[in-house]
Amino acid sequence: MSVLAGFALLLLVVFVVAFAVGRGAGPVSPGLTPGSGGGGNPGMSGHDTGAGQ
């Protein structure tokens, strides 16, 4: 097996393990589903950091 094929196999294994862990952990927040839209500005919770003063 060449070094390149071994590296590609390693990447595949890491991806599969990471995918399995992510599926097992579930969504990052309750009610979050793929394509749920959301709207609004992410990270803009309405608090003022004072940066614009």
PDB file of N, CA and C in Angstrom:
ATOM      1  N   MET A   1       0.859  -1.188   0.000  1.00  0.00           N
ATOM      2  CA  MET A   1       0.000   0.000   0.000  1.00  0.00           C
ATOM      3  C   MET A   1       0.894   1.237   0.000  1.00  0.00           C
ATOM      4  N   SER A   2       0.583   2.164  -0.859  1.00  0.00           N
ATOM      5  CA  SER A   2       1.404   3.370  -0.924  1.00  0.00           C
ATOM      6  C   SER A   2       1.072   4.304   0.240  1.00  0.00           C
ATOM      7  N   VAL A   3       1.927   5.247   0.449  1.00  0.00           N
ATOM      8  CA  VAL A   3       1.738   6.223   1.523  1.00  0.00           C
ATOM      9  C   VAL A   3       0.480   7.046   1.263  1.00  0.00           C
ATOM     10  N   LEU A   4       0.241   7.398   0.023  1.00  0.00           N
ATOM     11  CA  LEU A   4      -0.940   8.197  -0.313  1.00  0.00           C
ATOM     12  C   LEU A   4      -2.232   7.427  -0.042  1.00  0.00           C
ATOM     13  N   ALA A   5      -2.247   6.153  -0.381  1.00  0.00           N
ATOM     14  CA  ALA A   5      -3.433   5.336  -0.122  1.00  0.00           C
ATOM     15  C   ALA A   5      -3.652   5.169   1.381  1.00  0.00           C
ATOM     16  N   GLY A   6      -2.584   5.019   2.135  1.00  0.00           N
ATOM     17  CA  GLY A   6      -2.699   4.913   3.590  1.00  0.00           C
ATOM     18  C   GLY A   6      -3.234   6.188   4.202  1.00  0.00           C
ATOM     19  N   PHE A   7      -2.773   7.314   3.703  1.00  0.00           N
ATOM     20  CA  PHE A   7      -3.253   8.606   4.193  1.00  0.00           C
ATOM     21  C   PHE A   7      -4.731   8.798   3.863  1.00  0.00           C
ATOM     22  N   ALA A   8      -5.142   8.436   2.652  1.00  0.00           N
ATOM     23  CA  ALA A   8      -6.552   8.539   2.262  1.00  0.00           C
ATOM     24  C   ALA A   8      -7.420   7.635   3.130  1.00  0.00           C
ATOM     25  N   LEU A   9      -6.917   6.443   3.434  1.00  0.00           N
ATOM     26  CA  LEU A   9      -7.652   5.527   4.309  1.00  0.00           C
ATOM     27  C   LEU A   9      -7.773   6.100   5.718  1.00  0.00           C
ATOM     28  N   LEU A  10      -6.723   6.707   6.213  1.00  0.00           N
ATOM     29  CA  LEU A  10      -6.750   7.346   7.529  1.00  0.00           C
ATOM     30  C   LEU A  10      -7.778   8.481   7.558  1.00  0.00           C
ATOM     31  N   LEU A  11      -7.802   9.292   6.516  1.00  0.00           N
ATOM     32  CA  LEU A  11      -8.789  10.371   6.447  1.00  0.00           C
ATOM     33  C   LEU A  11     -10.212   9.819   6.441  1.00  0.00           C
ATOM     34  N   LEU A  12     -10.428   8.754   5.715  1.00  0.00           N
ATOM     35  CA  LEU A  12     -11.746   8.134   5.654  1.00  0.00           C
ATOM     36  C   LEU A  12     -12.168   7.614   7.023  1.00  0.00           C
ATOM     37  N   VAL A  13     -11.262   6.963   7.709  1.00  0.00           N
ATOM     38  CA  VAL A  13     -11.576   6.434   9.040  1.00  0.00           C
ATOM     39  C   VAL A  13     -11.889   7.566  10.011  1.00  0.00           C
ATOM     40  N   VAL A  14     -11.101   8.633   9.990  1.00  0.00           N
ATOM     41  CA  VAL A  14     -11.354   9.778  10.876  1.00  0.00           C
ATOM     42  C   VAL A  14     -12.712  10.395  10.566  1.00  0.00           C
ATOM     43  N   PHE A  15     -13.053  10.523   9.296  1.00  0.00           N
ATOM     44  CA  PHE A  15     -14.342  11.088   8.918  1.00  0.00           C
ATOM     45  C   PHE A  15     -15.488  10.218   9.402  1.00  0.00           C
ATOM     46  N   VAL A  16     -15.374   8.904   9.222  1.00  0.00           N
ATOM     47  CA  VAL A  16     -16.438   7.991   9.629  1.00  0.00           C
ATOM     48  C   VAL A  16     -16.625   8.029  11.148  1.00  0.00           C
ATOM     49  N   VAL A  17     -15.531   8.044  11.894  1.00  0.00           N
ATOM     50  CA  VAL A  17     -15.628   8.109  13.356  1.00  0.00           C
ATOM     51  C   VAL A  17     -16.248   9.429  13.797  1.00  0.00           C
ATOM     52  N   ALA A  18     -15.836  10.534  13.212  1.00  0.00           N
ATOM     53  CA  ALA A  18     -16.391  11.835  13.573  1.00  0.00           C
ATOM     54  C   ALA A  18     -17.878  11.904  13.229  1.00  0.00           C
ATOM     55  N   PHE A  19     -18.260  11.335  12.100  1.00  0.00           N
ATOM     56  CA  PHE A  19     -19.670  11.321  11.700  1.00  0.00           C
ATOM     57  C   PHE A  19     -20.494  10.499  12.680  1.00  0.00           C
ATOM     58  N   ALA A  20     -19.963   9.345  13.087  1.00  0.00           N
ATOM     59  CA  ALA A  20     -20.672   8.475  14.031  1.00  0.00           C
ATOM     60  C   ALA A  20     -20.839   9.154  15.384  1.00  0.00           C
ATOM     61  N   VAL A  21     -19.809   9.830  15.850  1.00  0.00           N
ATOM     62  CA  VAL A  21     -19.895  10.547  17.126  1.00  0.00           C
ATOM     63  C   VAL A  21     -20.920  11.677  17.021  1.00  0.00           C
ATOM     64  N   GLY A  22     -20.928  12.384  15.914  1.00  0.00           N
ATOM     65  CA  GLY A  22     -21.894  13.466  15.720  1.00  0.00           C
ATOM     66  C   GLY A  22     -23.326  12.964  15.669  1.00  0.00           C
ATOM     67  N   ARG A  23     -23.540  11.838  15.009  1.00  0.00           N
ATOM     68  CA  ARG A  23     -24.888  11.253  14.954  1.00  0.00           C
ATOM     69  C   ARG A  23     -25.335  10.800  16.339  1.00  0.00           C
ATOM     70  N   GLY A  24     -24.414  10.260  17.107  1.00  0.00           N
ATOM     71  CA  GLY A  24     -24.741   9.795  18.450  1.00  0.00           C
ATOM     72  C   GLY A  24     -25.018  10.932  19.409  1.00  0.00           C
ATOM     73  N   ALA A  25     -24.331  12.054  19.226  1.00  0.00           N
ATOM     74  CA  ALA A  25     -24.510  13.199  20.122  1.00  0.00           C
ATOM     75  C   ALA A  25     -25.826  13.910  19.859  1.00  0.00           C
ATOM     76  N   GLY A  26     -26.336  13.829  18.652  1.00  0.00           N
ATOM     77  CA  GLY A  26     -27.596  14.477  18.312  1.00  0.00           C
ATOM     78  C   GLY A  26     -27.390  15.926  17.930  1.00  0.00           C
ATOM     79  N   PRO A  27     -28.484  16.660  17.823  1.00  0.00           N
ATOM     80  CA  PRO A  27     -28.394  18.062  17.414  1.00  0.00           C
ATOM     81  C   PRO A  27     -27.734  18.926  18.488  1.00  0.00           C
ATOM     82  N   VAL A  28     -27.185  20.041  18.059  1.00  0.00           N
ATOM     83  CA  VAL A  28     -26.498  20.927  18.994  1.00  0.00           C
ATOM     84  C   VAL A  28     -27.458  21.651  19.920  1.00  0.00           C
ATOM     85  N   SER A  29     -28.703  21.769  19.524  1.00  0.00           N
ATOM     86  CA  SER A  29     -29.682  22.395  20.396  1.00  0.00           C
ATOM     87  C   SER A  29     -31.026  21.714  20.201  1.00  0.00           C
ATOM     88  N   PRO A  30     -31.829  21.642  21.247  1.00  0.00           N
ATOM     89  CA  PRO A  30     -33.130  20.980  21.112  1.00  0.00           C
ATOM     90  C   PRO A  30     -33.990  21.660  20.052  1.00  0.00           C
ATOM     91  N   GLY A  31     -34.619  20.876  19.213  1.00  0.00           N
ATOM     92  CA  GLY A  31     -35.498  21.415  18.185  1.00  0.00           C
ATOM     93  C   GLY A  31     -34.790  21.834  16.919  1.00  0.00           C
ATOM     94  N   LEU A  32     -33.476  21.748  16.896  1.00  0.00           N
ATOM     95  CA  LEU A  32     -32.731  22.131  15.700  1.00  0.00           C
ATOM     96  C   LEU A  32     -32.780  20.995  14.702  1.00  0.00           C
ATOM     97  N   THR A  33     -33.331  21.263  13.536  1.00  0.00           N
ATOM     98  CA  THR A  33     -33.416  20.253  12.497  1.00  0.00           C
ATOM     99  C   THR A  33     -32.806  20.811  11.220  1.00  0.00           C
ATOM    100  N   PRO A  34     -32.323  19.961  10.342  1.00  0.00           N
ATOM    101  CA  PRO A  34     -31.774  20.443   9.074  1.00  0.00           C
ATOM    102  C   PRO A  34     -32.835  21.201   8.283  1.00  0.00           C
ATOM    103  N   GLY A  35     -32.483  22.365   7.785  1.00  0.00           N
ATOM    104  CA  GLY A  35     -33.403  23.155   6.979  1.00  0.00           C
ATOM    105  C   GLY A  35     -34.475  23.851   7.781  1.00  0.00           C
ATOM    106  N   SER A  36     -34.219  24.077   9.083  1.00  0.00           N
ATOM    107  CA  SER A  36     -35.243  24.719   9.910  1.00  0.00           C
ATOM    108  C   SER A  36     -35.309  26.223   9.673  1.00  0.00           C
ATOM    109  N   GLY A  37     -34.438  26.740   8.832  1.00  0.00           N
ATOM    110  CA  GLY A  37     -34.476  28.174   8.542  1.00  0.00           C
ATOM    111  C   GLY A  37     -33.858  28.961   9.672  1.00  0.00           C
ATOM    112  N   GLY A  38     -34.675  29.487  10.514  1.00  0.00           N
ATOM    113  CA  GLY A  38     -34.159  30.220  11.664  1.00  0.00           C
ATOM    114  C   GLY A  38     -34.391  31.704  11.521  1.00  0.00           C
ATOM    115  N   GLY A  39     -33.946  32.275  10.425  1.00  0.00           N
ATOM    116  CA  GLY A  39     -34.096  33.714  10.247  1.00  0.00           C
ATOM    117  C   GLY A  39     -33.265  34.475  11.261  1.00  0.00           C
ATOM    118  N   GLY A  40     -33.346  35.783  11.226  1.00  0.00           N
ATOM    119  CA  GLY A  40     -32.595  36.590  12.172  1.00  0.00           C
ATOM    120  C   GLY A  40     -31.112  36.555  11.881  1.00  0.00           C
ATOM    121  N   ASN A  41     -30.386  37.237  12.721  1.00  0.00           N
ATOM    122  CA  ASN A  41     -28.938  37.281  12.577  1.00  0.00           C
ATOM    123  C   ASN A  41     -28.299  36.401  13.627  1.00  0.00           C
ATOM    124  N   PRO A  42     -27.592  35.364  13.239  1.00  0.00           N
ATOM    125  CA  PRO A  42     -26.948  34.507  14.229  1.00  0.00           C
ATOM    126  C   PRO A  42     -25.933  35.287  15.048  1.00  0.00           C
ATOM    127  N   GLY A  43     -25.942  35.085  16.332  1.00  0.00           N
ATOM    128  CA  GLY A  43     -24.984  35.753  17.197  1.00  0.00           C
ATOM    129  C   GLY A  43     -25.411  37.138  17.627  1.00  0.00           C
ATOM    130  N   MET A  44     -26.512  37.637  17.126  1.00  0.00           N
ATOM    131  CA  MET A  44     -26.970  38.968  17.493  1.00  0.00           C
ATOM    132  C   MET A  44     -28.147  38.826  18.458  1.00  0.00           C
ATOM    133  N   SER A  45     -27.842  38.715  19.733  1.00  0.00           N
ATOM    134  CA  SER A  45     -28.882  38.456  20.718  1.00  0.00           C
ATOM    135  C   SER A  45     -29.527  39.732  21.249  1.00  0.00           C
ATOM    136  N   GLY A  46     -29.108  40.881  20.791  1.00  0.00           N
ATOM    137  CA  GLY A  46     -29.726  42.115  21.216  1.00  0.00           C
ATOM    138  C   GLY A  46     -28.939  42.872  22.286  1.00  0.00           C
ATOM    139  N   HIS A  47     -27.883  42.300  22.786  1.00  0.00           N
ATOM    140  CA  HIS A  47     -27.112  43.030  23.803  1.00  0.00           C
ATOM    141  C   HIS A  47     -26.095  43.936  23.114  1.00  0.00           C
ATOM    142  N   ASP A  48     -25.802  45.030  23.743  1.00  0.00           N
ATOM    143  CA  ASP A  48     -24.887  46.021  23.175  1.00  0.00           C
ATOM    144  C   ASP A  48     -23.502  45.819  23.762  1.00  0.00           C
ATOM    145  N   THR A  49     -22.521  45.644  22.896  1.00  0.00           N
ATOM    146  CA  THR A  49     -21.146  45.447  23.382  1.00  0.00           C
ATOM    147  C   THR A  49     -20.424  46.778  23.554  1.00  0.00           C
ATOM    148  N   GLY A  50     -21.030  47.854  23.100  1.00  0.00           N
ATOM    149  CA  GLY A  50     -20.403  49.162  23.252  1.00  0.00           C
ATOM    150  C   GLY A  50     -19.364  49.454  22.190  1.00  0.00           C
ATOM    151  N   ALA A  51     -19.220  48.609  21.199  1.00  0.00           N
ATOM    152  CA  ALA A  51     -18.192  48.800  20.183  1.00  0.00           C
ATOM    153  C   ALA A  51     -18.497  49.975  19.264  1.00  0.00           C
ATOM    154  N   GLY A  52     -19.756  50.333  19.139  1.00  0.00           N
ATOM    155  CA  GLY A  52     -20.118  51.410  18.237  1.00  0.00           C
ATOM    156  C   GLY A  52     -20.121  52.797  18.864  1.00  0.00           C
ATOM    157  N   GLN A  53     -19.651  52.925  20.068  1.00  0.00           N
ATOM    158  CA  GLN A  53     -19.700  54.225  20.748  1.00  0.00           C
ATOM    159  C   GLN A  53     -18.464  55.020  20.532  1.00  0.00           C
TER     160      GLN A  53
END
